[in-house]
């Protein structure tokens, strides 16, 4: 014998919301054309962020945002997976400590000048101060540009 259950549309909507919150794990695997919908690069694709040289930001997303992952090709380019190493983590999940460890390993392979510049930026982010390269935007340079020189 079949039973007929009648529910309203709002009841159905409530049931679906409850099921999604409790049982479904949302994981978004990003490709080159995927847009980032939050953060400082909101509205830009992964490929555009990589062209800007912000692989560290993508690594940060991978290790610190639970529901975001990347295809293996992107993971190789941002330094999570390589020929001799695999620092990937189980997703959905996050591991900020491992992200810091990977960044430290990458810093060891940079030149002294690059390392000191990155350390200044990281220190400024921790203290909340903004660092800018003032030389191109000095008063004298701006005056010359305005005068057409």
N, C-alpha and C. Protein backbone atom coordinates (compact mmCIF):
# COMPACT_ATOMS: atom_id res chain seq x y z
N UNK A 1 0.83 -1.17 0.00
CA UNK A 1 0.00 0.00 0.00
C UNK A 1 0.88 1.24 0.00
N UNK A 2 0.64 2.15 -0.93
CA UNK A 2 1.39 3.40 -1.02
C UNK A 2 0.79 4.42 -0.09
N UNK A 3 1.71 5.18 0.51
CA UNK A 3 1.27 6.28 1.37
C UNK A 3 1.60 7.58 0.68
N UNK A 4 0.76 8.50 0.77
CA UNK A 4 0.98 9.82 0.20
C UNK A 4 1.25 10.78 1.34
N UNK A 5 2.37 11.45 1.23
CA UNK A 5 2.74 12.45 2.24
C UNK A 5 2.65 13.81 1.56
N UNK A 6 1.92 14.69 2.16
CA UNK A 6 1.77 16.03 1.60
C UNK A 6 2.51 17.02 2.49
N UNK A 7 3.40 17.76 1.85
CA UNK A 7 4.12 18.81 2.57
C UNK A 7 4.11 20.08 1.72
N UNK A 8 4.26 21.16 2.38
CA UNK A 8 4.28 22.43 1.66
C UNK A 8 5.67 22.67 1.08
N UNK A 9 5.76 23.64 0.19
CA UNK A 9 7.04 23.96 -0.42
C UNK A 9 8.04 24.47 0.61
N UNK A 10 7.56 25.24 1.58
CA UNK A 10 8.46 25.76 2.60
C UNK A 10 8.98 24.63 3.50
N UNK A 11 8.12 23.61 3.77
CA UNK A 11 8.58 22.45 4.54
C UNK A 11 9.65 21.69 3.77
N UNK A 12 9.46 21.52 2.47
CA UNK A 12 10.43 20.83 1.64
C UNK A 12 11.76 21.60 1.62
N UNK A 13 11.67 22.92 1.50
CA UNK A 13 12.88 23.74 1.51
C UNK A 13 13.62 23.59 2.84
N UNK A 14 12.89 23.57 3.95
CA UNK A 14 13.49 23.40 5.26
C UNK A 14 14.18 22.04 5.37
N UNK A 15 13.53 20.99 4.89
CA UNK A 15 14.10 19.64 4.96
C UNK A 15 15.39 19.56 4.14
N UNK A 16 15.37 20.12 2.93
CA UNK A 16 16.56 20.08 2.07
C UNK A 16 17.71 20.85 2.72
N UNK A 17 17.43 22.01 3.30
CA UNK A 17 18.46 22.78 3.99
C UNK A 17 19.07 22.00 5.14
N UNK A 18 18.22 21.32 5.89
CA UNK A 18 18.69 20.55 7.03
C UNK A 18 19.58 19.40 6.58
N UNK A 19 19.18 18.73 5.52
CA UNK A 19 19.98 17.61 5.00
C UNK A 19 21.33 18.11 4.50
N UNK A 20 21.35 19.20 3.76
CA UNK A 20 22.60 19.72 3.21
C UNK A 20 23.55 20.14 4.32
N UNK A 21 23.04 20.78 5.36
CA UNK A 21 23.89 21.21 6.45
C UNK A 21 24.50 20.04 7.21
N UNK A 22 23.79 18.96 7.34
CA UNK A 22 24.27 17.88 8.18
C UNK A 22 25.02 16.79 7.42
N UNK A 23 24.61 16.48 6.19
CA UNK A 23 25.15 15.30 5.53
C UNK A 23 26.08 15.57 4.36
N UNK A 24 25.94 16.68 3.71
CA UNK A 24 26.71 16.93 2.50
C UNK A 24 27.97 17.71 2.85
N UNK A 25 29.10 17.23 2.36
CA UNK A 25 30.37 17.93 2.54
C UNK A 25 30.66 18.65 1.24
N UNK A 26 30.78 19.95 1.30
CA UNK A 26 31.01 20.72 0.11
C UNK A 26 32.51 20.89 -0.13
N UNK A 27 32.97 20.49 -1.32
CA UNK A 27 34.36 20.63 -1.70
C UNK A 27 34.42 21.21 -3.09
N UNK A 28 35.15 22.26 -3.25
CA UNK A 28 35.29 22.91 -4.54
C UNK A 28 36.71 22.70 -5.03
N UNK A 29 36.86 22.01 -6.17
CA UNK A 29 38.16 21.76 -6.76
C UNK A 29 38.36 22.77 -7.89
N UNK A 30 39.31 23.67 -7.69
CA UNK A 30 39.51 24.76 -8.62
C UNK A 30 40.42 24.36 -9.78
N UNK A 31 40.10 24.89 -10.96
CA UNK A 31 40.92 24.72 -12.16
C UNK A 31 41.42 26.12 -12.55
N UNK A 32 42.15 26.24 -13.66
CA UNK A 32 42.71 27.52 -14.06
C UNK A 32 41.63 28.59 -14.28
N UNK A 33 40.50 28.22 -14.82
CA UNK A 33 39.45 29.19 -15.16
C UNK A 33 38.48 29.47 -14.01
N UNK A 34 38.67 28.80 -12.86
CA UNK A 34 37.78 29.01 -11.71
C UNK A 34 38.02 30.38 -11.11
N UNK A 35 36.92 31.05 -10.78
CA UNK A 35 37.02 32.37 -10.15
C UNK A 35 37.06 32.22 -8.64
N UNK A 36 37.86 33.06 -8.03
CA UNK A 36 37.93 33.11 -6.57
C UNK A 36 36.87 34.10 -6.12
N UNK A 37 35.97 33.67 -5.25
CA UNK A 37 34.80 34.47 -4.88
C UNK A 37 34.96 35.23 -3.56
N UNK A 38 36.17 35.29 -3.02
CA UNK A 38 36.37 35.96 -1.74
C UNK A 38 37.83 36.40 -1.65
N UNK A 39 38.12 37.19 -0.64
CA UNK A 39 39.50 37.58 -0.37
C UNK A 39 39.97 38.73 -1.24
N UNK A 40 41.26 38.97 -1.20
CA UNK A 40 41.81 40.13 -1.89
C UNK A 40 41.83 39.98 -3.40
N UNK A 41 41.70 38.77 -3.93
CA UNK A 41 41.66 38.55 -5.37
C UNK A 41 40.26 38.12 -5.82
N UNK A 42 39.27 38.64 -5.17
CA UNK A 42 37.87 38.31 -5.49
C UNK A 42 37.56 38.69 -6.93
N UNK A 43 36.96 37.75 -7.66
CA UNK A 43 36.57 37.99 -9.04
C UNK A 43 37.63 37.61 -10.05
N UNK A 44 38.84 37.29 -9.61
CA UNK A 44 39.89 36.89 -10.53
C UNK A 44 39.97 35.37 -10.61
N UNK A 45 40.45 34.89 -11.75
CA UNK A 45 40.60 33.44 -11.92
C UNK A 45 41.90 33.00 -11.28
N UNK A 46 42.01 31.69 -11.08
CA UNK A 46 43.24 31.12 -10.52
C UNK A 46 44.41 31.42 -11.44
N UNK A 47 44.18 31.33 -12.74
CA UNK A 47 45.24 31.60 -13.71
C UNK A 47 45.74 33.04 -13.60
N UNK A 48 44.84 34.00 -13.42
CA UNK A 48 45.24 35.40 -13.28
C UNK A 48 46.06 35.61 -12.01
N UNK A 49 45.67 34.97 -10.93
CA UNK A 49 46.41 35.09 -9.67
C UNK A 49 47.81 34.50 -9.84
N UNK A 50 47.91 33.38 -10.58
CA UNK A 50 49.22 32.77 -10.82
C UNK A 50 50.08 33.69 -11.69
N UNK A 51 49.49 34.35 -12.68
CA UNK A 51 50.24 35.27 -13.53
C UNK A 51 50.77 36.46 -12.75
N UNK A 52 50.05 36.84 -11.69
CA UNK A 52 50.52 37.93 -10.83
C UNK A 52 51.68 37.49 -9.92
N UNK A 53 51.98 36.19 -9.94
CA UNK A 53 53.06 35.66 -9.11
C UNK A 53 52.65 35.43 -7.67
N UNK A 54 51.38 35.20 -7.44
CA UNK A 54 50.86 35.03 -6.09
C UNK A 54 50.60 33.56 -5.77
N UNK A 55 51.58 32.71 -6.06
CA UNK A 55 51.44 31.29 -5.74
C UNK A 55 51.33 31.06 -4.24
N UNK A 56 51.98 31.92 -3.46
CA UNK A 56 51.89 31.81 -2.00
C UNK A 56 50.46 32.01 -1.51
N UNK A 57 49.72 32.89 -2.16
CA UNK A 57 48.32 33.11 -1.78
C UNK A 57 47.49 31.87 -2.07
N UNK A 58 47.74 31.24 -3.22
CA UNK A 58 47.01 30.02 -3.56
C UNK A 58 47.37 28.89 -2.60
N UNK A 59 48.65 28.83 -2.19
CA UNK A 59 49.06 27.84 -1.19
C UNK A 59 48.34 28.11 0.12
N UNK A 60 48.24 29.39 0.48
CA UNK A 60 47.53 29.77 1.70
C UNK A 60 46.08 29.29 1.65
N UNK A 61 45.42 29.51 0.51
CA UNK A 61 44.04 29.04 0.36
C UNK A 61 43.96 27.53 0.53
N UNK A 62 44.89 26.81 -0.09
CA UNK A 62 44.86 25.35 -0.04
C UNK A 62 44.97 24.85 1.40
N UNK A 63 45.87 25.41 2.17
CA UNK A 63 46.11 24.92 3.53
C UNK A 63 45.17 25.50 4.58
N UNK A 64 44.54 26.65 4.31
CA UNK A 64 43.76 27.32 5.35
C UNK A 64 42.26 27.37 5.10
N UNK A 65 41.80 27.02 3.90
CA UNK A 65 40.36 27.02 3.62
C UNK A 65 39.94 25.57 3.44
N UNK A 66 38.99 25.16 4.24
CA UNK A 66 38.60 23.75 4.32
C UNK A 66 38.02 23.20 3.04
N UNK A 67 37.16 23.94 2.37
CA UNK A 67 36.42 23.39 1.24
C UNK A 67 37.01 23.66 -0.12
N UNK A 68 38.29 24.09 -0.19
CA UNK A 68 38.88 24.41 -1.48
C UNK A 68 40.11 23.56 -1.73
N UNK A 69 40.16 23.00 -2.94
CA UNK A 69 41.33 22.26 -3.40
C UNK A 69 41.62 22.69 -4.83
N UNK A 70 42.70 22.19 -5.39
CA UNK A 70 43.09 22.50 -6.76
C UNK A 70 43.37 21.21 -7.50
N UNK A 71 43.36 21.30 -8.84
CA UNK A 71 43.74 20.14 -9.62
C UNK A 71 45.24 19.90 -9.41
N UNK A 72 45.70 18.68 -9.69
CA UNK A 72 47.09 18.31 -9.43
C UNK A 72 48.09 19.21 -10.16
N UNK A 73 47.77 19.62 -11.36
CA UNK A 73 48.68 20.46 -12.14
C UNK A 73 48.94 21.79 -11.42
N UNK A 74 47.89 22.38 -10.85
CA UNK A 74 48.06 23.63 -10.10
C UNK A 74 48.82 23.38 -8.81
N UNK A 75 48.53 22.26 -8.14
CA UNK A 75 49.26 21.93 -6.90
C UNK A 75 50.75 21.80 -7.17
N UNK A 76 51.12 21.28 -8.34
CA UNK A 76 52.54 21.18 -8.69
C UNK A 76 53.14 22.56 -8.88
N UNK A 77 52.42 23.45 -9.54
CA UNK A 77 52.95 24.79 -9.82
C UNK A 77 53.07 25.66 -8.57
N UNK A 78 52.21 25.44 -7.59
CA UNK A 78 52.29 26.27 -6.38
C UNK A 78 53.18 25.64 -5.31
N UNK A 79 53.75 24.47 -5.59
CA UNK A 79 54.73 23.88 -4.69
C UNK A 79 54.19 22.95 -3.64
N UNK A 80 53.00 22.42 -3.82
CA UNK A 80 52.45 21.47 -2.85
C UNK A 80 52.85 20.04 -3.22
N UNK A 81 52.88 19.77 -4.51
CA UNK A 81 53.26 18.44 -5.00
C UNK A 81 54.46 18.62 -5.93
N UNK A 82 55.40 17.69 -5.86
CA UNK A 82 56.56 17.73 -6.75
C UNK A 82 56.98 16.33 -7.12
N UNK A 83 58.10 16.22 -7.84
CA UNK A 83 58.59 14.91 -8.24
C UNK A 83 59.05 14.09 -7.04
N UNK A 84 59.67 14.73 -6.08
CA UNK A 84 60.24 14.02 -4.92
C UNK A 84 59.47 14.23 -3.63
N UNK A 85 58.38 14.99 -3.67
CA UNK A 85 57.66 15.28 -2.43
C UNK A 85 56.17 15.41 -2.70
N UNK A 86 55.38 15.23 -1.64
CA UNK A 86 53.93 15.38 -1.71
C UNK A 86 53.45 15.91 -0.36
N UNK A 87 53.15 17.21 -0.31
CA UNK A 87 52.70 17.85 0.92
C UNK A 87 51.20 18.12 0.88
N UNK A 88 50.48 17.34 0.10
CA UNK A 88 49.04 17.54 0.03
C UNK A 88 48.38 17.06 1.32
N UNK A 89 47.22 17.61 1.60
CA UNK A 89 46.47 17.24 2.79
C UNK A 89 45.12 16.67 2.36
N UNK A 90 44.50 15.96 3.28
CA UNK A 90 43.19 15.37 3.00
C UNK A 90 42.15 16.48 3.01
N UNK A 91 41.37 16.54 1.95
CA UNK A 91 40.32 17.55 1.82
C UNK A 91 38.97 16.88 1.89
N UNK A 92 37.92 17.46 2.41
CA UNK A 92 37.89 18.77 3.05
C UNK A 92 38.61 18.72 4.38
N UNK A 93 39.37 19.72 4.61
CA UNK A 93 40.15 19.84 5.82
C UNK A 93 41.16 20.95 5.64
N UNK A 94 41.82 21.32 6.72
CA UNK A 94 42.84 22.36 6.64
C UNK A 94 43.96 22.04 7.60
N UNK A 95 45.14 22.57 7.30
CA UNK A 95 46.32 22.36 8.13
C UNK A 95 47.23 23.58 8.01
N UNK A 96 46.92 24.67 8.73
CA UNK A 96 47.72 25.90 8.63
C UNK A 96 49.18 25.71 9.04
N UNK A 97 49.44 24.81 9.99
CA UNK A 97 50.82 24.58 10.43
C UNK A 97 51.67 24.02 9.29
N UNK A 98 51.10 23.11 8.52
CA UNK A 98 51.84 22.55 7.39
C UNK A 98 52.08 23.63 6.33
N UNK A 99 51.12 24.52 6.14
CA UNK A 99 51.29 25.62 5.21
C UNK A 99 52.46 26.51 5.60
N UNK A 100 52.60 26.80 6.90
CA UNK A 100 53.73 27.61 7.37
C UNK A 100 55.05 26.87 7.15
N UNK A 101 55.04 25.57 7.39
CA UNK A 101 56.23 24.75 7.20
C UNK A 101 56.68 24.76 5.73
N UNK A 102 55.73 24.64 4.81
CA UNK A 102 56.05 24.66 3.38
C UNK A 102 56.61 26.01 2.98
N UNK A 103 56.01 27.09 3.47
CA UNK A 103 56.52 28.44 3.16
C UNK A 103 57.94 28.62 3.67
N UNK A 104 58.25 28.09 4.85
CA UNK A 104 59.61 28.18 5.39
C UNK A 104 60.60 27.41 4.50
N UNK A 105 60.19 26.25 4.02
CA UNK A 105 61.06 25.47 3.12
C UNK A 105 61.31 26.20 1.82
N UNK A 106 60.29 26.86 1.29
CA UNK A 106 60.45 27.61 0.05
C UNK A 106 61.35 28.82 0.28
N UNK A 107 61.22 29.48 1.43
CA UNK A 107 62.05 30.64 1.75
C UNK A 107 63.54 30.27 1.79
N UNK A 108 63.86 29.06 2.22
CA UNK A 108 65.26 28.64 2.32
C UNK A 108 65.95 28.63 0.96
N UNK A 109 65.19 28.42 -0.11
CA UNK A 109 65.77 28.31 -1.44
C UNK A 109 65.86 29.65 -2.18
N UNK A 110 65.42 30.74 -1.55
CA UNK A 110 65.47 32.05 -2.18
C UNK A 110 66.77 32.76 -1.85
N UNK A 111 67.08 33.79 -2.62
CA UNK A 111 68.28 34.58 -2.34
C UNK A 111 68.06 35.39 -1.07
N UNK A 112 69.17 35.90 -0.53
CA UNK A 112 69.10 36.67 0.71
C UNK A 112 68.25 37.92 0.55
N UNK A 113 68.35 38.59 -0.59
CA UNK A 113 67.58 39.81 -0.84
C UNK A 113 66.08 39.49 -0.90
N UNK A 114 65.71 38.43 -1.61
CA UNK A 114 64.30 38.03 -1.71
C UNK A 114 63.76 37.63 -0.35
N UNK A 115 64.56 36.89 0.41
CA UNK A 115 64.14 36.43 1.73
C UNK A 115 63.88 37.60 2.66
N UNK A 116 64.78 38.60 2.66
CA UNK A 116 64.61 39.74 3.57
C UNK A 116 63.38 40.55 3.17
N UNK A 117 63.12 40.68 1.87
CA UNK A 117 61.94 41.41 1.42
C UNK A 117 60.66 40.70 1.87
N UNK A 118 60.61 39.39 1.71
CA UNK A 118 59.43 38.62 2.12
C UNK A 118 59.25 38.68 3.63
N UNK A 119 60.35 38.62 4.38
CA UNK A 119 60.24 38.71 5.84
C UNK A 119 59.67 40.05 6.28
N UNK A 120 60.06 41.14 5.58
CA UNK A 120 59.50 42.46 5.90
C UNK A 120 58.00 42.48 5.66
N UNK A 121 57.58 41.90 4.55
CA UNK A 121 56.15 41.86 4.23
C UNK A 121 55.38 41.05 5.27
N UNK A 122 55.92 39.89 5.64
CA UNK A 122 55.25 39.05 6.64
C UNK A 122 55.17 39.74 7.99
N UNK A 123 56.24 40.44 8.37
CA UNK A 123 56.24 41.17 9.64
C UNK A 123 55.20 42.29 9.61
N UNK A 124 55.09 42.97 8.46
CA UNK A 124 54.10 44.04 8.33
C UNK A 124 52.68 43.49 8.41
N UNK A 125 52.46 42.31 7.84
CA UNK A 125 51.12 41.71 7.91
C UNK A 125 50.77 41.34 9.34
N UNK A 126 51.76 40.85 10.10
CA UNK A 126 51.51 40.47 11.50
C UNK A 126 51.19 41.68 12.36
N UNK A 127 51.91 42.78 12.13
CA UNK A 127 51.70 43.97 12.95
C UNK A 127 50.57 44.85 12.43
N UNK A 128 50.09 44.57 11.22
CA UNK A 128 49.00 45.34 10.66
C UNK A 128 49.44 46.60 9.95
N UNK A 129 50.74 46.75 9.70
CA UNK A 129 51.25 47.92 9.00
C UNK A 129 51.32 47.62 7.51
N UNK A 130 51.18 48.64 6.70
CA UNK A 130 51.19 48.50 5.25
C UNK A 130 52.56 48.92 4.71
N UNK A 131 53.15 48.07 3.89
CA UNK A 131 54.43 48.40 3.27
C UNK A 131 54.17 48.72 1.81
N UNK A 132 54.74 49.78 1.34
CA UNK A 132 54.65 50.08 -0.08
C UNK A 132 56.03 50.51 -0.57
N UNK A 133 56.27 50.28 -1.83
CA UNK A 133 57.51 50.71 -2.44
C UNK A 133 57.35 52.18 -2.78
N UNK A 134 57.95 53.06 -2.00
CA UNK A 134 57.70 54.49 -2.13
C UNK A 134 58.49 55.13 -3.27
N UNK A 135 59.55 54.49 -3.73
CA UNK A 135 60.42 55.11 -4.74
C UNK A 135 59.66 55.48 -6.02
N UNK A 136 58.85 54.59 -6.63
CA UNK A 136 58.19 54.98 -7.86
C UNK A 136 57.14 56.08 -7.65
N UNK A 137 56.64 56.23 -6.44
CA UNK A 137 55.58 57.21 -6.20
C UNK A 137 56.07 58.36 -5.31
N UNK A 138 57.35 58.64 -5.38
CA UNK A 138 57.86 59.77 -4.61
C UNK A 138 57.33 61.07 -5.22
N UNK A 139 57.41 62.12 -4.46
CA UNK A 139 56.89 63.42 -4.92
C UNK A 139 57.59 63.87 -6.21
N UNK A 140 58.90 63.67 -6.25
CA UNK A 140 59.66 64.08 -7.43
C UNK A 140 59.27 63.30 -8.68
N UNK A 141 59.11 61.99 -8.53
CA UNK A 141 58.71 61.15 -9.68
C UNK A 141 57.32 61.53 -10.18
N UNK A 142 56.40 61.75 -9.26
CA UNK A 142 55.05 62.11 -9.66
C UNK A 142 55.03 63.47 -10.38
N UNK A 143 55.84 64.41 -9.90
CA UNK A 143 55.92 65.71 -10.56
C UNK A 143 56.47 65.58 -11.98
N UNK A 144 57.51 64.76 -12.15
CA UNK A 144 58.08 64.55 -13.48
C UNK A 144 57.06 63.92 -14.42
N UNK A 145 56.31 62.96 -13.94
CA UNK A 145 55.31 62.30 -14.78
C UNK A 145 54.21 63.27 -15.19
N UNK A 146 53.80 64.10 -14.23
CA UNK A 146 52.76 65.10 -14.54
C UNK A 146 53.24 66.15 -15.54
N UNK A 147 54.53 66.46 -15.51
CA UNK A 147 55.10 67.43 -16.44
C UNK A 147 55.42 66.82 -17.80
N UNK A 148 55.31 65.49 -17.90
CA UNK A 148 55.58 64.82 -19.17
C UNK A 148 57.03 64.48 -19.38
N UNK A 149 57.83 64.41 -18.34
CA UNK A 149 59.26 64.06 -18.47
C UNK A 149 59.49 62.61 -18.18
